[in-house]
N, C-alpha and C. Protein backbone atom coordinates (compact mmCIF):
# COMPACT_ATOMS: atom_id res chain seq x y z
N UNK A 1 -6.89 -15.28 -22.00
CA UNK A 1 -8.32 -15.27 -21.69
C UNK A 1 -8.65 -16.47 -20.83
N UNK A 2 -9.39 -16.25 -19.72
CA UNK A 2 -9.75 -17.33 -18.83
C UNK A 2 -10.76 -18.26 -19.51
N UNK A 3 -10.62 -19.54 -19.26
CA UNK A 3 -11.50 -20.54 -19.85
C UNK A 3 -12.80 -20.63 -19.07
N UNK A 4 -13.91 -20.73 -19.78
CA UNK A 4 -15.20 -20.92 -19.13
C UNK A 4 -15.29 -22.36 -18.64
N UNK A 5 -15.37 -22.54 -17.34
CA UNK A 5 -15.40 -23.88 -16.75
C UNK A 5 -16.82 -24.32 -16.42
N UNK A 6 -17.61 -23.43 -15.83
CA UNK A 6 -18.98 -23.79 -15.45
C UNK A 6 -19.82 -24.11 -16.68
N UNK A 7 -20.67 -25.11 -16.54
CA UNK A 7 -21.58 -25.49 -17.61
C UNK A 7 -23.02 -25.33 -17.14
N UNK A 8 -23.95 -25.45 -18.08
CA UNK A 8 -25.38 -25.35 -17.77
C UNK A 8 -25.73 -24.01 -17.12
N UNK A 9 -25.13 -22.94 -17.64
CA UNK A 9 -25.43 -21.60 -17.14
C UNK A 9 -25.93 -20.74 -18.30
N UNK A 10 -26.79 -19.77 -17.99
CA UNK A 10 -27.38 -18.90 -19.00
C UNK A 10 -27.37 -17.47 -18.49
N UNK A 11 -26.95 -16.53 -19.33
CA UNK A 11 -26.96 -15.13 -18.94
C UNK A 11 -28.40 -14.67 -18.74
N UNK A 12 -28.67 -14.03 -17.61
CA UNK A 12 -30.03 -13.58 -17.28
C UNK A 12 -30.08 -12.06 -17.41
N UNK A 13 -30.72 -11.57 -18.45
CA UNK A 13 -30.84 -10.13 -18.66
C UNK A 13 -31.83 -9.52 -17.68
N UNK A 14 -31.54 -8.26 -17.28
CA UNK A 14 -32.47 -7.51 -16.46
C UNK A 14 -33.26 -6.55 -17.33
N UNK A 15 -34.09 -5.73 -16.69
CA UNK A 15 -34.91 -4.78 -17.45
C UNK A 15 -34.40 -3.35 -17.29
N UNK A 16 -33.51 -3.09 -16.34
CA UNK A 16 -32.96 -1.76 -16.14
C UNK A 16 -31.83 -1.55 -17.15
N UNK A 17 -31.88 -0.46 -17.88
CA UNK A 17 -30.86 -0.17 -18.88
C UNK A 17 -29.76 0.69 -18.28
N UNK A 18 -28.62 0.72 -18.96
CA UNK A 18 -27.51 1.57 -18.53
C UNK A 18 -27.91 3.04 -18.59
N UNK A 19 -28.75 3.38 -19.57
CA UNK A 19 -29.23 4.76 -19.69
C UNK A 19 -30.06 5.14 -18.46
N UNK A 20 -30.86 4.23 -17.96
CA UNK A 20 -31.67 4.50 -16.77
C UNK A 20 -30.79 4.70 -15.55
N UNK A 21 -29.74 3.90 -15.45
CA UNK A 21 -28.82 4.06 -14.32
C UNK A 21 -28.12 5.41 -14.40
N UNK A 22 -27.70 5.77 -15.60
CA UNK A 22 -27.03 7.05 -15.79
C UNK A 22 -27.95 8.21 -15.42
N UNK A 23 -29.22 8.10 -15.81
CA UNK A 23 -30.18 9.15 -15.49
C UNK A 23 -30.40 9.24 -13.98
N UNK A 24 -30.43 8.10 -13.33
CA UNK A 24 -30.62 8.06 -11.88
C UNK A 24 -29.47 8.72 -11.14
N UNK A 25 -28.24 8.43 -11.59
CA UNK A 25 -27.05 8.96 -10.92
C UNK A 25 -26.59 10.30 -11.50
N UNK A 26 -27.18 10.69 -12.63
CA UNK A 26 -26.79 11.92 -13.32
C UNK A 26 -25.31 11.92 -13.69
N UNK A 27 -24.85 10.79 -14.16
CA UNK A 27 -23.48 10.64 -14.64
C UNK A 27 -23.41 9.35 -15.44
N UNK A 28 -22.36 9.19 -16.20
CA UNK A 28 -22.14 7.97 -16.97
C UNK A 28 -21.05 7.15 -16.31
N UNK A 29 -21.32 5.88 -16.08
CA UNK A 29 -20.33 5.00 -15.47
C UNK A 29 -19.13 4.83 -16.40
N UNK A 30 -17.96 4.73 -15.82
CA UNK A 30 -16.72 4.58 -16.60
C UNK A 30 -15.63 4.06 -15.68
N UNK A 31 -14.59 3.53 -16.28
CA UNK A 31 -13.41 3.10 -15.53
C UNK A 31 -12.23 3.97 -15.91
N UNK A 32 -11.58 4.51 -14.90
CA UNK A 32 -10.29 5.18 -15.10
C UNK A 32 -9.24 4.23 -14.55
N UNK A 33 -8.37 3.76 -15.43
CA UNK A 33 -7.38 2.74 -15.07
C UNK A 33 -6.02 3.40 -14.90
N UNK A 34 -5.58 3.55 -13.65
CA UNK A 34 -4.29 4.14 -13.35
C UNK A 34 -3.22 3.05 -13.37
N UNK A 35 -2.24 3.20 -14.24
CA UNK A 35 -1.15 2.23 -14.33
C UNK A 35 0.19 2.95 -14.24
N UNK A 36 1.17 2.27 -13.67
CA UNK A 36 2.50 2.87 -13.52
C UNK A 36 3.32 2.09 -12.52
N UNK A 37 4.57 2.45 -12.42
CA UNK A 37 5.47 1.78 -11.49
C UNK A 37 5.00 1.93 -10.05
N UNK A 38 5.46 1.05 -9.20
CA UNK A 38 5.26 1.21 -7.77
C UNK A 38 5.86 2.56 -7.36
N UNK A 39 5.15 3.31 -6.53
CA UNK A 39 5.58 4.62 -6.05
C UNK A 39 5.49 5.71 -7.12
N UNK A 40 4.78 5.44 -8.20
CA UNK A 40 4.60 6.47 -9.23
C UNK A 40 3.60 7.53 -8.76
N UNK A 41 2.71 7.14 -7.87
CA UNK A 41 1.70 8.07 -7.39
C UNK A 41 0.28 7.70 -7.79
N UNK A 42 0.10 6.50 -8.32
CA UNK A 42 -1.22 6.04 -8.77
C UNK A 42 -2.27 6.13 -7.67
N UNK A 43 -1.98 5.50 -6.55
CA UNK A 43 -2.96 5.45 -5.46
C UNK A 43 -3.21 6.82 -4.87
N UNK A 44 -2.17 7.61 -4.76
CA UNK A 44 -2.32 8.96 -4.21
C UNK A 44 -3.26 9.79 -5.06
N UNK A 45 -3.09 9.71 -6.37
CA UNK A 45 -3.97 10.45 -7.28
C UNK A 45 -5.39 9.90 -7.22
N UNK A 46 -5.52 8.58 -7.24
CA UNK A 46 -6.85 7.97 -7.22
C UNK A 46 -7.61 8.34 -5.96
N UNK A 47 -6.93 8.34 -4.81
CA UNK A 47 -7.56 8.72 -3.54
C UNK A 47 -8.07 10.16 -3.62
N UNK A 48 -7.25 11.05 -4.14
CA UNK A 48 -7.61 12.46 -4.22
C UNK A 48 -8.76 12.69 -5.21
N UNK A 49 -8.72 12.00 -6.34
CA UNK A 49 -9.78 12.13 -7.34
C UNK A 49 -11.10 11.62 -6.76
N UNK A 50 -11.05 10.48 -6.09
CA UNK A 50 -12.26 9.92 -5.49
C UNK A 50 -12.87 10.93 -4.51
N UNK A 51 -12.05 11.54 -3.68
CA UNK A 51 -12.53 12.49 -2.69
C UNK A 51 -13.21 13.68 -3.36
N UNK A 52 -12.60 14.21 -4.41
CA UNK A 52 -13.19 15.35 -5.11
C UNK A 52 -14.51 14.97 -5.77
N UNK A 53 -14.54 13.81 -6.41
CA UNK A 53 -15.78 13.37 -7.07
C UNK A 53 -16.92 13.21 -6.07
N UNK A 54 -16.63 12.59 -4.95
CA UNK A 54 -17.67 12.40 -3.93
C UNK A 54 -18.14 13.74 -3.39
N UNK A 55 -17.20 14.65 -3.14
CA UNK A 55 -17.57 15.97 -2.64
C UNK A 55 -18.45 16.72 -3.63
N UNK A 56 -18.27 16.43 -4.91
CA UNK A 56 -19.08 17.09 -5.94
C UNK A 56 -20.39 16.36 -6.23
N UNK A 57 -20.64 15.31 -5.48
CA UNK A 57 -21.90 14.60 -5.61
C UNK A 57 -21.92 13.48 -6.63
N UNK A 58 -20.75 12.99 -7.01
CA UNK A 58 -20.68 11.90 -7.98
C UNK A 58 -20.44 10.57 -7.28
N UNK A 59 -21.03 9.52 -7.82
CA UNK A 59 -20.80 8.18 -7.30
C UNK A 59 -19.46 7.68 -7.85
N UNK A 60 -18.54 7.41 -6.95
CA UNK A 60 -17.20 6.95 -7.35
C UNK A 60 -16.71 5.92 -6.36
N UNK A 61 -15.91 4.98 -6.87
CA UNK A 61 -15.33 3.96 -5.99
C UNK A 61 -13.94 3.61 -6.49
N UNK A 62 -13.03 3.49 -5.53
CA UNK A 62 -11.62 3.24 -5.85
C UNK A 62 -11.25 1.78 -5.56
N UNK A 63 -10.61 1.16 -6.53
CA UNK A 63 -10.05 -0.19 -6.36
C UNK A 63 -8.54 -0.06 -6.33
N UNK A 64 -7.90 -0.58 -5.28
CA UNK A 64 -6.46 -0.41 -5.10
C UNK A 64 -5.76 -1.76 -5.09
N UNK A 65 -4.59 -1.81 -5.70
CA UNK A 65 -3.87 -3.07 -5.86
C UNK A 65 -3.65 -3.84 -4.57
N UNK A 66 -3.07 -3.21 -3.56
CA UNK A 66 -2.81 -3.90 -2.30
C UNK A 66 -4.10 -4.29 -1.60
N UNK A 67 -5.09 -3.40 -1.61
CA UNK A 67 -6.36 -3.69 -0.94
C UNK A 67 -7.04 -4.92 -1.55
N UNK A 68 -7.04 -5.00 -2.87
CA UNK A 68 -7.69 -6.12 -3.54
C UNK A 68 -7.00 -7.44 -3.21
N UNK A 69 -5.68 -7.39 -3.04
CA UNK A 69 -4.93 -8.60 -2.72
C UNK A 69 -5.14 -9.05 -1.28
N UNK A 70 -5.84 -8.25 -0.49
CA UNK A 70 -6.17 -8.66 0.88
C UNK A 70 -7.53 -9.34 0.95
N UNK A 71 -8.25 -9.35 -0.17
CA UNK A 71 -9.57 -9.96 -0.18
C UNK A 71 -9.80 -10.79 -1.42
N UNK A 72 -10.40 -10.17 -2.44
CA UNK A 72 -10.77 -10.87 -3.67
C UNK A 72 -9.61 -11.67 -4.26
N UNK A 73 -8.42 -11.10 -4.28
CA UNK A 73 -7.27 -11.75 -4.92
C UNK A 73 -6.21 -12.20 -3.92
N UNK A 74 -6.63 -12.54 -2.71
CA UNK A 74 -5.68 -12.94 -1.68
C UNK A 74 -4.97 -14.25 -2.01
N UNK A 75 -5.51 -15.01 -2.96
CA UNK A 75 -4.90 -16.29 -3.33
C UNK A 75 -3.90 -16.15 -4.48
N UNK A 76 -3.60 -14.92 -4.90
CA UNK A 76 -2.68 -14.71 -6.02
C UNK A 76 -1.36 -14.13 -5.55
N UNK A 77 -0.27 -14.60 -6.19
CA UNK A 77 1.05 -14.07 -5.91
C UNK A 77 1.47 -13.08 -6.99
N UNK A 78 2.77 -13.08 -7.30
CA UNK A 78 3.28 -12.10 -8.26
C UNK A 78 4.00 -12.74 -9.45
N UNK A 79 3.69 -14.00 -9.71
CA UNK A 79 4.21 -14.60 -10.93
C UNK A 79 3.51 -13.95 -12.11
N UNK A 80 4.06 -14.14 -13.30
CA UNK A 80 3.43 -13.56 -14.49
C UNK A 80 2.00 -14.06 -14.64
N UNK A 81 1.78 -15.35 -14.35
CA UNK A 81 0.45 -15.92 -14.48
C UNK A 81 -0.52 -15.30 -13.48
N UNK A 82 -0.05 -15.15 -12.23
CA UNK A 82 -0.91 -14.57 -11.20
C UNK A 82 -1.17 -13.10 -11.45
N UNK A 83 -0.19 -12.38 -11.97
CA UNK A 83 -0.40 -10.98 -12.30
C UNK A 83 -1.50 -10.85 -13.37
N UNK A 84 -1.45 -11.74 -14.35
CA UNK A 84 -2.46 -11.71 -15.41
C UNK A 84 -3.84 -12.00 -14.85
N UNK A 85 -3.95 -13.00 -13.99
CA UNK A 85 -5.23 -13.33 -13.38
C UNK A 85 -5.72 -12.20 -12.48
N UNK A 86 -4.80 -11.57 -11.76
CA UNK A 86 -5.13 -10.43 -10.91
C UNK A 86 -5.81 -9.33 -11.73
N UNK A 87 -5.22 -8.99 -12.85
CA UNK A 87 -5.76 -7.92 -13.68
C UNK A 87 -7.03 -8.36 -14.40
N UNK A 88 -7.12 -9.64 -14.76
CA UNK A 88 -8.35 -10.14 -15.38
C UNK A 88 -9.53 -9.94 -14.44
N UNK A 89 -9.34 -10.33 -13.18
CA UNK A 89 -10.43 -10.19 -12.21
C UNK A 89 -10.79 -8.72 -11.99
N UNK A 90 -9.78 -7.88 -11.89
CA UNK A 90 -10.04 -6.47 -11.65
C UNK A 90 -10.72 -5.83 -12.86
N UNK A 91 -10.35 -6.27 -14.05
CA UNK A 91 -11.03 -5.77 -15.24
C UNK A 91 -12.51 -6.08 -15.19
N UNK A 92 -12.84 -7.28 -14.75
CA UNK A 92 -14.25 -7.69 -14.66
C UNK A 92 -14.98 -6.89 -13.58
N UNK A 93 -14.34 -6.71 -12.42
CA UNK A 93 -14.96 -5.96 -11.33
C UNK A 93 -15.14 -4.50 -11.71
N UNK A 94 -14.13 -3.92 -12.34
CA UNK A 94 -14.23 -2.53 -12.78
C UNK A 94 -15.38 -2.36 -13.75
N UNK A 95 -15.53 -3.31 -14.65
CA UNK A 95 -16.63 -3.24 -15.62
C UNK A 95 -17.98 -3.28 -14.92
N UNK A 96 -18.10 -4.09 -13.88
CA UNK A 96 -19.36 -4.18 -13.13
C UNK A 96 -19.68 -2.85 -12.46
N UNK A 97 -18.68 -2.24 -11.82
CA UNK A 97 -18.90 -0.94 -11.18
C UNK A 97 -19.34 0.09 -12.22
N UNK A 98 -18.63 0.13 -13.33
CA UNK A 98 -18.94 1.12 -14.37
C UNK A 98 -20.30 0.87 -14.99
N UNK A 99 -20.66 -0.40 -15.17
CA UNK A 99 -21.96 -0.75 -15.72
C UNK A 99 -23.08 -0.28 -14.79
N UNK A 100 -22.78 -0.27 -13.49
CA UNK A 100 -23.77 0.19 -12.50
C UNK A 100 -23.90 1.71 -12.49
N UNK A 101 -23.04 2.39 -13.25
CA UNK A 101 -23.10 3.84 -13.32
C UNK A 101 -22.09 4.55 -12.45
N UNK A 102 -21.24 3.78 -11.80
CA UNK A 102 -20.24 4.35 -10.90
C UNK A 102 -18.97 4.71 -11.68
N UNK A 103 -18.29 5.76 -11.24
CA UNK A 103 -16.97 6.09 -11.79
C UNK A 103 -15.96 5.25 -11.01
N UNK A 104 -15.42 4.24 -11.65
CA UNK A 104 -14.51 3.30 -11.01
C UNK A 104 -13.07 3.73 -11.24
N UNK A 105 -12.34 3.92 -10.15
CA UNK A 105 -10.95 4.35 -10.22
C UNK A 105 -10.07 3.16 -9.85
N UNK A 106 -9.50 2.52 -10.85
CA UNK A 106 -8.72 1.30 -10.64
C UNK A 106 -7.24 1.61 -10.66
N UNK A 107 -6.58 1.39 -9.54
CA UNK A 107 -5.17 1.75 -9.39
C UNK A 107 -4.31 0.50 -9.23
N UNK A 108 -3.67 0.09 -10.32
CA UNK A 108 -2.88 -1.14 -10.33
C UNK A 108 -1.62 -0.96 -11.18
N UNK A 109 -0.51 -1.48 -10.72
CA UNK A 109 0.71 -1.42 -11.53
C UNK A 109 0.42 -1.95 -12.92
N UNK A 110 -0.27 -3.09 -12.97
CA UNK A 110 -0.66 -3.73 -14.24
C UNK A 110 0.45 -3.57 -15.28
N UNK A 111 1.58 -4.25 -15.08
CA UNK A 111 2.78 -4.00 -15.89
C UNK A 111 2.72 -4.48 -17.33
N UNK A 112 1.83 -5.42 -17.63
CA UNK A 112 1.84 -6.01 -18.97
C UNK A 112 0.75 -5.40 -19.86
N UNK A 113 1.16 -4.94 -21.03
CA UNK A 113 0.24 -4.28 -21.95
C UNK A 113 -0.91 -5.18 -22.35
N UNK A 114 -0.64 -6.47 -22.55
CA UNK A 114 -1.69 -7.40 -22.99
C UNK A 114 -2.80 -7.50 -21.95
N UNK A 115 -2.43 -7.45 -20.68
CA UNK A 115 -3.44 -7.55 -19.61
C UNK A 115 -4.30 -6.30 -19.56
N UNK A 116 -3.66 -5.14 -19.72
CA UNK A 116 -4.43 -3.89 -19.74
C UNK A 116 -5.33 -3.83 -20.98
N UNK A 117 -4.82 -4.31 -22.10
CA UNK A 117 -5.61 -4.34 -23.32
C UNK A 117 -6.83 -5.24 -23.16
N UNK A 118 -6.65 -6.33 -22.42
CA UNK A 118 -7.77 -7.25 -22.18
C UNK A 118 -8.84 -6.57 -21.33
N UNK A 119 -8.41 -5.79 -20.33
CA UNK A 119 -9.36 -5.06 -19.49
C UNK A 119 -10.11 -4.03 -20.34
N UNK A 120 -9.39 -3.37 -21.22
CA UNK A 120 -10.03 -2.40 -22.12
C UNK A 120 -11.04 -3.10 -23.02
N UNK A 121 -10.67 -4.25 -23.55
CA UNK A 121 -11.55 -4.97 -24.46
C UNK A 121 -12.87 -5.35 -23.79
N UNK A 122 -12.80 -5.74 -22.51
CA UNK A 122 -14.02 -6.07 -21.77
C UNK A 122 -14.98 -4.88 -21.78
N UNK A 123 -14.43 -3.70 -21.55
CA UNK A 123 -15.25 -2.50 -21.51
C UNK A 123 -15.75 -2.14 -22.91
N UNK A 124 -14.86 -2.22 -23.88
CA UNK A 124 -15.24 -1.88 -25.25
C UNK A 124 -16.39 -2.76 -25.74
N UNK A 125 -16.31 -4.05 -25.44
CA UNK A 125 -17.35 -4.98 -25.88
C UNK A 125 -18.70 -4.64 -25.26
N UNK A 126 -18.67 -4.07 -24.06
CA UNK A 126 -19.91 -3.72 -23.37
C UNK A 126 -20.33 -2.28 -23.62
N UNK A 127 -19.51 -1.54 -24.39
CA UNK A 127 -19.83 -0.14 -24.66
C UNK A 127 -19.64 0.76 -23.46
N UNK A 128 -18.71 0.40 -22.58
CA UNK A 128 -18.45 1.17 -21.36
C UNK A 128 -17.15 1.95 -21.52
N UNK A 129 -17.15 3.24 -21.20
CA UNK A 129 -15.93 4.05 -21.34
C UNK A 129 -14.79 3.52 -20.48
N UNK A 130 -13.60 3.47 -21.07
CA UNK A 130 -12.40 3.01 -20.39
C UNK A 130 -11.30 4.03 -20.66
N UNK A 131 -10.77 4.62 -19.61
CA UNK A 131 -9.73 5.63 -19.75
C UNK A 131 -8.45 5.11 -19.10
N UNK A 132 -7.44 4.90 -19.92
CA UNK A 132 -6.15 4.46 -19.38
C UNK A 132 -5.34 5.70 -19.02
N UNK A 133 -4.93 5.76 -17.76
CA UNK A 133 -4.14 6.89 -17.27
C UNK A 133 -2.77 6.38 -16.86
N UNK A 134 -1.79 6.74 -17.65
CA UNK A 134 -0.41 6.32 -17.37
C UNK A 134 0.21 7.31 -16.39
N UNK A 135 0.47 6.84 -15.18
CA UNK A 135 1.11 7.67 -14.17
C UNK A 135 2.61 7.44 -14.32
N UNK A 136 3.23 8.32 -15.05
CA UNK A 136 4.62 8.16 -15.45
C UNK A 136 5.56 8.77 -14.42
N UNK A 137 6.68 8.10 -14.21
CA UNK A 137 7.71 8.64 -13.33
C UNK A 137 9.02 7.93 -13.66
N UNK A 138 10.13 8.63 -13.56
CA UNK A 138 11.43 7.99 -13.76
C UNK A 138 11.66 6.98 -12.65
N UNK A 139 12.26 5.85 -13.02
CA UNK A 139 12.54 4.81 -12.03
C UNK A 139 13.35 5.37 -10.86
N UNK A 140 14.29 6.25 -11.14
CA UNK A 140 15.13 6.81 -10.09
C UNK A 140 14.30 7.58 -9.06
N UNK A 141 13.28 8.29 -9.53
CA UNK A 141 12.41 9.03 -8.62
C UNK A 141 11.55 8.08 -7.80
N UNK A 142 11.03 7.04 -8.46
CA UNK A 142 10.23 6.05 -7.74
C UNK A 142 11.05 5.38 -6.65
N UNK A 143 12.30 5.05 -6.98
CA UNK A 143 13.17 4.41 -5.99
C UNK A 143 13.49 5.36 -4.84
N UNK A 144 13.62 6.63 -5.15
CA UNK A 144 13.91 7.61 -4.11
C UNK A 144 12.73 7.75 -3.16
N UNK A 145 11.53 7.69 -3.71
CA UNK A 145 10.34 7.78 -2.87
C UNK A 145 10.20 6.52 -2.01
N UNK A 146 10.10 5.40 -2.68
CA UNK A 146 10.06 4.06 -2.07
C UNK A 146 9.34 4.03 -0.71
N UNK A 147 8.05 4.43 -0.64
CA UNK A 147 7.35 4.55 0.64
C UNK A 147 7.22 3.24 1.41
N UNK A 148 7.21 2.12 0.69
CA UNK A 148 7.06 0.82 1.36
C UNK A 148 8.39 0.08 1.50
N UNK A 149 9.46 0.70 1.02
CA UNK A 149 10.77 0.05 1.10
C UNK A 149 10.93 -1.14 0.19
N UNK A 150 10.08 -1.23 -0.84
CA UNK A 150 10.09 -2.39 -1.72
C UNK A 150 11.25 -2.37 -2.71
N UNK A 151 11.58 -1.19 -3.22
CA UNK A 151 12.71 -1.11 -4.15
C UNK A 151 14.00 -1.50 -3.45
N UNK A 152 14.14 -1.05 -2.23
CA UNK A 152 15.34 -1.38 -1.45
C UNK A 152 15.46 -2.88 -1.27
N UNK A 153 14.35 -3.53 -0.97
CA UNK A 153 14.35 -4.99 -0.81
C UNK A 153 14.64 -5.68 -2.14
N UNK A 154 14.07 -5.14 -3.22
CA UNK A 154 14.29 -5.75 -4.54
C UNK A 154 15.75 -5.63 -4.94
N UNK A 155 16.36 -4.48 -4.70
CA UNK A 155 17.77 -4.28 -5.03
C UNK A 155 18.67 -5.20 -4.20
N UNK A 156 18.20 -5.53 -3.00
CA UNK A 156 18.98 -6.40 -2.12
C UNK A 156 18.73 -7.87 -2.40
N UNK A 157 17.84 -8.15 -3.35
CA UNK A 157 17.54 -9.53 -3.69
C UNK A 157 16.54 -10.19 -2.78
N UNK A 158 15.88 -9.40 -1.93
CA UNK A 158 14.93 -9.96 -0.98
C UNK A 158 13.55 -10.15 -1.61
N UNK A 159 13.29 -9.44 -2.73
CA UNK A 159 12.05 -9.60 -3.48
C UNK A 159 12.43 -9.94 -4.91
N UNK A 160 11.87 -11.03 -5.42
CA UNK A 160 12.13 -11.44 -6.79
C UNK A 160 10.96 -11.07 -7.69
N UNK A 161 11.25 -10.76 -8.94
CA UNK A 161 10.21 -10.44 -9.90
C UNK A 161 9.53 -9.12 -9.62
N UNK A 162 10.32 -8.14 -9.16
CA UNK A 162 9.74 -6.84 -8.82
C UNK A 162 9.73 -5.94 -10.05
N UNK A 163 8.58 -5.38 -10.34
CA UNK A 163 8.42 -4.55 -11.54
C UNK A 163 9.38 -3.38 -11.55
N UNK A 164 10.09 -3.24 -12.66
CA UNK A 164 11.04 -2.16 -12.82
C UNK A 164 12.45 -2.52 -12.45
N UNK A 165 12.60 -3.62 -11.69
CA UNK A 165 13.93 -4.07 -11.27
C UNK A 165 14.31 -5.34 -12.01
N UNK A 166 13.62 -6.43 -11.73
CA UNK A 166 13.92 -7.66 -12.47
C UNK A 166 12.67 -8.24 -13.14
N UNK A 167 11.66 -7.41 -13.29
CA UNK A 167 10.48 -7.77 -14.05
C UNK A 167 10.08 -6.53 -14.85
N UNK A 168 9.64 -6.67 -16.08
CA UNK A 168 9.42 -5.50 -16.93
C UNK A 168 8.15 -4.73 -16.62
N UNK A 169 8.18 -3.45 -16.96
CA UNK A 169 6.96 -2.65 -17.00
C UNK A 169 6.81 -2.17 -18.44
N UNK A 170 5.70 -2.53 -19.05
CA UNK A 170 5.44 -2.16 -20.44
C UNK A 170 4.56 -0.92 -20.45
N UNK A 171 5.18 0.22 -20.70
CA UNK A 171 4.47 1.50 -20.66
C UNK A 171 3.40 1.57 -21.76
N UNK A 172 2.27 2.17 -21.47
CA UNK A 172 1.22 2.33 -22.50
C UNK A 172 1.72 3.15 -23.68
N UNK A 173 1.32 2.72 -24.87
CA UNK A 173 1.71 3.44 -26.07
C UNK A 173 0.69 4.50 -26.44
N UNK A 174 -0.57 4.28 -26.05
CA UNK A 174 -1.64 5.21 -26.47
C UNK A 174 -2.62 5.48 -25.33
N UNK A 175 -2.11 5.78 -24.16
CA UNK A 175 -2.99 6.08 -23.03
C UNK A 175 -3.79 7.35 -23.30
N UNK A 176 -5.03 7.36 -22.84
CA UNK A 176 -5.86 8.56 -23.01
C UNK A 176 -5.31 9.73 -22.21
N UNK A 177 -4.61 9.41 -21.12
CA UNK A 177 -4.09 10.46 -20.25
C UNK A 177 -2.72 10.05 -19.72
N UNK A 178 -1.77 10.96 -19.76
CA UNK A 178 -0.43 10.71 -19.21
C UNK A 178 -0.17 11.79 -18.16
N UNK A 179 0.16 11.34 -16.96
CA UNK A 179 0.48 12.25 -15.87
C UNK A 179 1.88 11.93 -15.38
N UNK A 180 2.77 12.90 -15.46
CA UNK A 180 4.14 12.69 -14.99
C UNK A 180 4.26 13.30 -13.60
N UNK A 181 4.33 12.43 -12.60
CA UNK A 181 4.37 12.93 -11.22
C UNK A 181 5.74 13.43 -10.81
N UNK A 182 6.70 13.31 -11.73
CA UNK A 182 8.00 13.90 -11.46
C UNK A 182 7.98 15.40 -11.71
N UNK A 183 7.01 15.84 -12.52
CA UNK A 183 6.93 17.26 -12.87
C UNK A 183 5.60 17.90 -12.49
N UNK A 184 4.56 17.09 -12.26
CA UNK A 184 3.24 17.61 -11.96
C UNK A 184 2.90 17.47 -10.47
N UNK A 185 2.28 18.47 -9.92
CA UNK A 185 1.85 18.41 -8.52
C UNK A 185 0.61 17.52 -8.42
N UNK A 186 0.26 17.15 -7.20
CA UNK A 186 -0.95 16.35 -6.99
C UNK A 186 -2.18 17.13 -7.46
N UNK A 187 -2.22 18.40 -7.15
CA UNK A 187 -3.37 19.22 -7.56
C UNK A 187 -3.51 19.24 -9.08
N UNK A 188 -2.39 19.40 -9.78
CA UNK A 188 -2.43 19.42 -11.24
C UNK A 188 -2.83 18.05 -11.80
N UNK A 189 -2.37 16.99 -11.15
CA UNK A 189 -2.70 15.63 -11.59
C UNK A 189 -4.20 15.37 -11.45
N UNK A 190 -4.76 15.75 -10.30
CA UNK A 190 -6.19 15.57 -10.08
C UNK A 190 -6.98 16.39 -11.08
N UNK A 191 -6.57 17.61 -11.32
CA UNK A 191 -7.26 18.47 -12.28
C UNK A 191 -7.24 17.86 -13.68
N UNK A 192 -6.15 17.20 -14.03
CA UNK A 192 -6.04 16.58 -15.35
C UNK A 192 -7.03 15.43 -15.49
N UNK A 193 -7.17 14.64 -14.44
CA UNK A 193 -8.13 13.52 -14.48
C UNK A 193 -9.55 14.05 -14.59
N UNK A 194 -9.88 15.06 -13.79
CA UNK A 194 -11.23 15.63 -13.83
C UNK A 194 -11.53 16.24 -15.19
N UNK A 195 -10.55 16.92 -15.77
CA UNK A 195 -10.74 17.51 -17.09
C UNK A 195 -10.98 16.44 -18.14
N UNK A 196 -10.30 15.31 -17.99
CA UNK A 196 -10.47 14.20 -18.92
C UNK A 196 -11.89 13.64 -18.83
N UNK A 197 -12.40 13.49 -17.61
CA UNK A 197 -13.76 12.99 -17.41
C UNK A 197 -14.78 13.98 -17.96
N UNK A 198 -14.56 15.26 -17.66
CA UNK A 198 -15.49 16.29 -18.13
C UNK A 198 -15.46 16.39 -19.66
N UNK A 199 -14.28 16.24 -20.23
CA UNK A 199 -14.14 16.32 -21.68
C UNK A 199 -14.88 15.22 -22.41
N UNK A 200 -15.15 14.14 -21.70
CA UNK A 200 -15.89 13.02 -22.29
C UNK A 200 -17.35 12.98 -21.83
N UNK A 201 -17.79 14.08 -21.20
CA UNK A 201 -19.18 14.20 -20.74
C UNK A 201 -19.58 13.08 -19.80
N UNK A 202 -18.64 12.64 -18.95
CA UNK A 202 -18.94 11.54 -18.04
C UNK A 202 -19.47 12.01 -16.69
N UNK A 203 -19.46 13.31 -16.47
CA UNK A 203 -19.92 13.84 -15.18
C UNK A 203 -21.30 14.48 -15.29
N UNK A 204 -21.97 14.27 -16.43
CA UNK A 204 -23.30 14.84 -16.61
C UNK A 204 -24.24 13.76 -17.11
């Protein structure tokens, strides 16, 4: 947990309630947290889900691991400490989007269970829905895909601390949704996410 450094600050409540925001947008804000190995298909699914939601008239926004590291988290590397801080910040940002009534699609490897649990706790404390979606794939399939050539570099020793090679990935034990992209098509994966949202009455 990050330490509170700033002093002489006070939380300033507003008058608009989450219920009012939901009524305005005709949906309930929530975070769908896509986690999985590099090349598992997290971003591909999140992009497709975002497109479908927008086409159906829902407010949705996608947060992507690489994109965030080009701005908000550009000062973070890939040490265990930086990975934890990366996910801490994204947990906070996701909560803000969801609190505003937006369906936030957060796509991050987020390899450590404790960090994902911390993101969930932030949402739970605020009463905001949090759906962990484990995008599962065999390491061999992920390496075969290797769209960015990162596994090849990691195997060659050119990248240190790469998840799945010389840094662990702690798979979720109780994810709300599990999508195996080794056996499921993109269309089926997107349908599964939408069904999960609909099943929780988050689209009405």
